Amino acid sequence: MNGFGFTNFRAVLLTIALVLTGFGQSMSASEFLESNCQDRVTKSQDDVSRSYLYLDFSHLEGACTVAGTVGGEHISSVRVIGNKGDVFRIGFARLNGHPMHGISGGDVRRLDQKGGKTQVTIEKEAGFFEISLSAHPHGDFRLVIEKKWASPFGRPISTNK
């Protein structure tokens, strides 16, 4: 053979079949991003049924908006990187269909708030938390990740310059 190999050929056929049957309808991780997030992206990875987007807030404050469509067999994850004491407010809105989200991470303290918002505080020196997005069959969403303040001891730091 020409080095392409039977295994690679099967992978290509499987990918084409998934796209043609509708499993590839969800957007890739990078396509979810709105312009206010571009300077925070450290990595974007797309697999057959998973998308991962890494956002670094360790040196930046402010909001970042992720919006798009999820569903089918596809799950998208946004991994937020920060420092000890960083406090985030996460807002999730269902725009159409039944999108769902979950927030997890071993390095964080989570506080659910009124109005569908969640406050997340990073408790270790350098940590991250993950926001998983899915829907069945499909759904449109808008996710706003806002870094409220940064502090090595959990106390607010003035953002006025």
Protein backbone atom coordinates (compact mmCIF):
# COMPACT_ATOMS: atom_id res chain seq x y z
CA MET A 1 0.00 0.00 0.00
CA ASN A 2 1.00 3.65 -0.24
CA GLY A 3 1.38 4.14 3.54
CA PHE A 4 -2.18 5.37 4.01
CA GLY A 5 -3.18 2.09 5.64
CA PHE A 6 -6.46 0.28 6.09
CA THR A 7 -7.05 1.75 9.58
CA ASN A 8 -6.79 5.33 8.31
CA PHE A 9 -9.11 4.50 5.43
CA ARG A 10 -11.72 3.14 7.86
CA ALA A 11 -11.42 6.29 10.02
CA VAL A 12 -12.04 8.50 6.98
CA LEU A 13 -15.08 6.44 5.97
CA LEU A 14 -16.47 6.57 9.52
CA THR A 15 -16.05 10.35 9.67
CA ILE A 16 -17.81 10.79 6.31
CA ALA A 17 -20.65 8.50 7.46
CA LEU A 18 -21.09 10.46 10.70
CA VAL A 19 -21.25 13.77 8.87
CA LEU A 20 -23.74 12.46 6.29
CA THR A 21 -26.03 10.98 8.97
CA GLY A 22 -26.20 14.22 10.94
CA PHE A 23 -23.84 13.50 13.82
CA GLY A 24 -21.53 16.20 12.51
CA GLN A 25 -24.13 18.98 12.69
CA SER A 26 -22.76 20.51 15.89
CA MET A 27 -20.26 23.30 15.55
CA SER A 28 -16.59 22.89 16.37
CA ALA A 29 -15.20 24.46 19.54
CA SER A 30 -13.64 27.40 17.72
CA GLU A 31 -16.89 28.26 15.94
CA PHE A 32 -18.69 28.80 19.27
CA LEU A 33 -16.48 31.75 20.12
CA GLU A 34 -17.60 35.37 19.95
CA SER A 35 -15.05 38.12 19.32
CA ASN A 36 -14.62 39.13 22.99
CA CYS A 37 -12.90 35.77 23.68
CA GLN A 38 -10.23 35.67 20.97
CA ASP A 39 -7.40 36.84 23.25
CA ARG A 40 -8.17 34.13 25.83
CA VAL A 41 -8.01 31.03 23.62
CA THR A 42 -4.99 28.84 24.35
CA LYS A 43 -6.14 25.68 22.59
CA SER A 44 -9.05 24.33 20.56
CA GLN A 45 -9.44 20.63 19.88
CA ASP A 46 -12.14 18.87 17.85
CA ASP A 47 -12.68 15.13 17.94
CA VAL A 48 -15.46 13.07 16.35
CA SER A 49 -17.90 13.42 19.26
CA ARG A 50 -16.16 15.98 21.50
CA SER A 51 -14.93 19.54 21.21
CA TYR A 52 -12.65 21.21 23.75
CA LEU A 53 -12.01 24.92 24.07
CA TYR A 54 -9.40 26.19 26.54
CA LEU A 55 -9.80 29.77 27.77
CA ASP A 56 -7.06 31.39 29.88
CA PHE A 57 -8.26 34.04 32.33
CA SER A 58 -5.13 33.92 34.51
CA HIS A 59 -3.96 37.40 33.40
CA LEU A 60 -7.20 38.91 32.07
CA GLU A 61 -10.47 40.07 33.59
CA GLY A 62 -13.82 40.77 31.97
CA ALA A 63 -16.40 38.72 30.14
CA CYS A 64 -16.17 36.11 27.40
CA THR A 65 -19.20 34.90 25.43
CA VAL A 66 -19.54 31.45 23.92
CA ALA A 67 -22.67 30.77 21.84
CA GLY A 68 -23.82 28.16 19.37
CA THR A 69 -25.64 24.91 18.75
CA VAL A 70 -25.01 21.60 20.49
CA GLY A 71 -26.65 18.23 20.26
CA GLY A 72 -26.79 14.81 18.77
CA GLU A 73 -23.94 12.64 19.92
CA HIS A 74 -21.64 15.65 20.32
CA ILE A 75 -20.55 17.16 23.67
CA SER A 76 -18.63 20.43 23.82
CA SER A 77 -16.49 21.46 26.77
CA VAL A 78 -15.11 24.84 27.73
CA ARG A 79 -12.16 24.63 30.13
CA VAL A 80 -11.48 27.87 32.01
CA ILE A 81 -7.96 28.41 33.39
CA GLY A 82 -7.26 30.79 36.28
CA ASN A 83 -5.30 31.41 39.47
CA LYS A 84 -6.03 30.85 43.15
CA GLY A 85 -8.67 33.27 44.37
CA ASP A 86 -10.06 34.12 40.91
CA VAL A 87 -13.84 34.47 41.07
CA PHE A 88 -16.02 33.86 38.01
CA ARG A 89 -19.71 34.35 37.32
CA ILE A 90 -21.15 31.89 34.80
CA GLY A 91 -24.41 32.69 33.02
CA PHE A 92 -26.20 30.16 30.80
CA ALA A 93 -29.19 30.91 28.56
CA ARG A 94 -31.25 28.44 26.54
CA LEU A 95 -32.09 30.15 23.26
CA ASN A 96 -33.82 27.29 21.43
CA GLY A 97 -34.38 23.60 22.08
CA HIS A 98 -33.10 21.95 25.24
CA PRO A 99 -29.38 22.65 25.70
CA MET A 100 -27.90 21.64 29.05
CA HIS A 101 -24.73 22.55 30.88
CA GLY A 102 -22.74 21.27 33.82
CA ILE A 103 -19.88 22.81 35.76
CA SER A 104 -17.21 20.60 37.30
CA GLY A 105 -13.68 20.77 38.61
CA GLY A 106 -11.74 19.52 41.59
CA ASP A 107 -9.93 22.82 42.12
CA VAL A 108 -13.01 25.04 42.59
CA ARG A 109 -15.73 26.08 45.00
CA ARG A 110 -19.12 26.50 43.37
CA LEU A 111 -22.08 28.60 44.52
CA ASP A 112 -25.37 28.52 42.62
CA GLN A 113 -27.04 31.92 42.52
CA LYS A 114 -30.46 33.25 41.55
CA GLY A 115 -31.28 33.86 37.91
CA GLY A 116 -29.43 30.82 36.56
CA LYS A 117 -25.98 32.16 37.37
CA THR A 118 -23.23 30.26 39.12
CA GLN A 119 -20.23 31.69 40.96
CA VAL A 120 -17.02 29.66 40.76
CA THR A 121 -13.88 30.36 42.83
CA ILE A 122 -10.55 28.69 42.03
CA GLU A 123 -9.02 27.35 45.25
CA LYS A 124 -5.62 26.02 44.13
CA GLU A 125 -2.55 27.92 42.93
CA ALA A 126 -3.30 27.32 39.26
CA GLY A 127 -6.50 25.53 38.42
CA PHE A 128 -9.30 25.13 35.96
CA PHE A 129 -12.94 24.20 35.79
CA GLU A 130 -14.93 22.72 32.95
CA ILE A 131 -18.30 23.67 31.53
CA SER A 132 -19.85 20.81 29.52
CA LEU A 133 -22.51 21.61 26.93
CA SER A 134 -24.93 19.12 25.37
CA ALA A 135 -28.51 18.76 24.12
CA HIS A 136 -30.89 16.15 22.81
CA PRO A 137 -31.67 16.33 20.02
CA HIS A 138 -30.25 19.86 19.47
CA GLY A 139 -30.28 23.22 21.20
CA ASP A 140 -28.96 26.76 20.91
CA PHE A 141 -27.29 28.39 23.89
CA ARG A 142 -25.40 31.45 25.07
CA LEU A 143 -22.77 31.11 27.80
CA VAL A 144 -21.17 34.15 29.44
CA ILE A 145 -18.05 33.59 31.54
CA GLU A 146 -17.12 36.68 33.54
CA LYS A 147 -14.07 37.02 35.75
CA LYS A 148 -15.26 39.19 38.61
CA TRP A 149 -11.96 39.68 40.42
CA ALA A 150 -8.55 38.19 40.97
CA SER A 151 -6.69 37.86 44.22
CA PRO A 152 -4.11 35.46 45.65
CA PHE A 153 -6.07 35.52 48.94
CA GLY A 154 -9.66 35.67 47.66
CA ARG A 155 -10.06 39.43 48.32
CA PRO A 156 -11.22 41.71 45.50
CA ILE A 157 -8.61 43.76 43.68
CA SER A 158 -9.63 47.08 42.18
CA THR A 159 -9.88 46.91 38.40
CA ASN A 160 -9.79 50.73 38.01
CA LYS A 161 -6.60 51.84 36.32
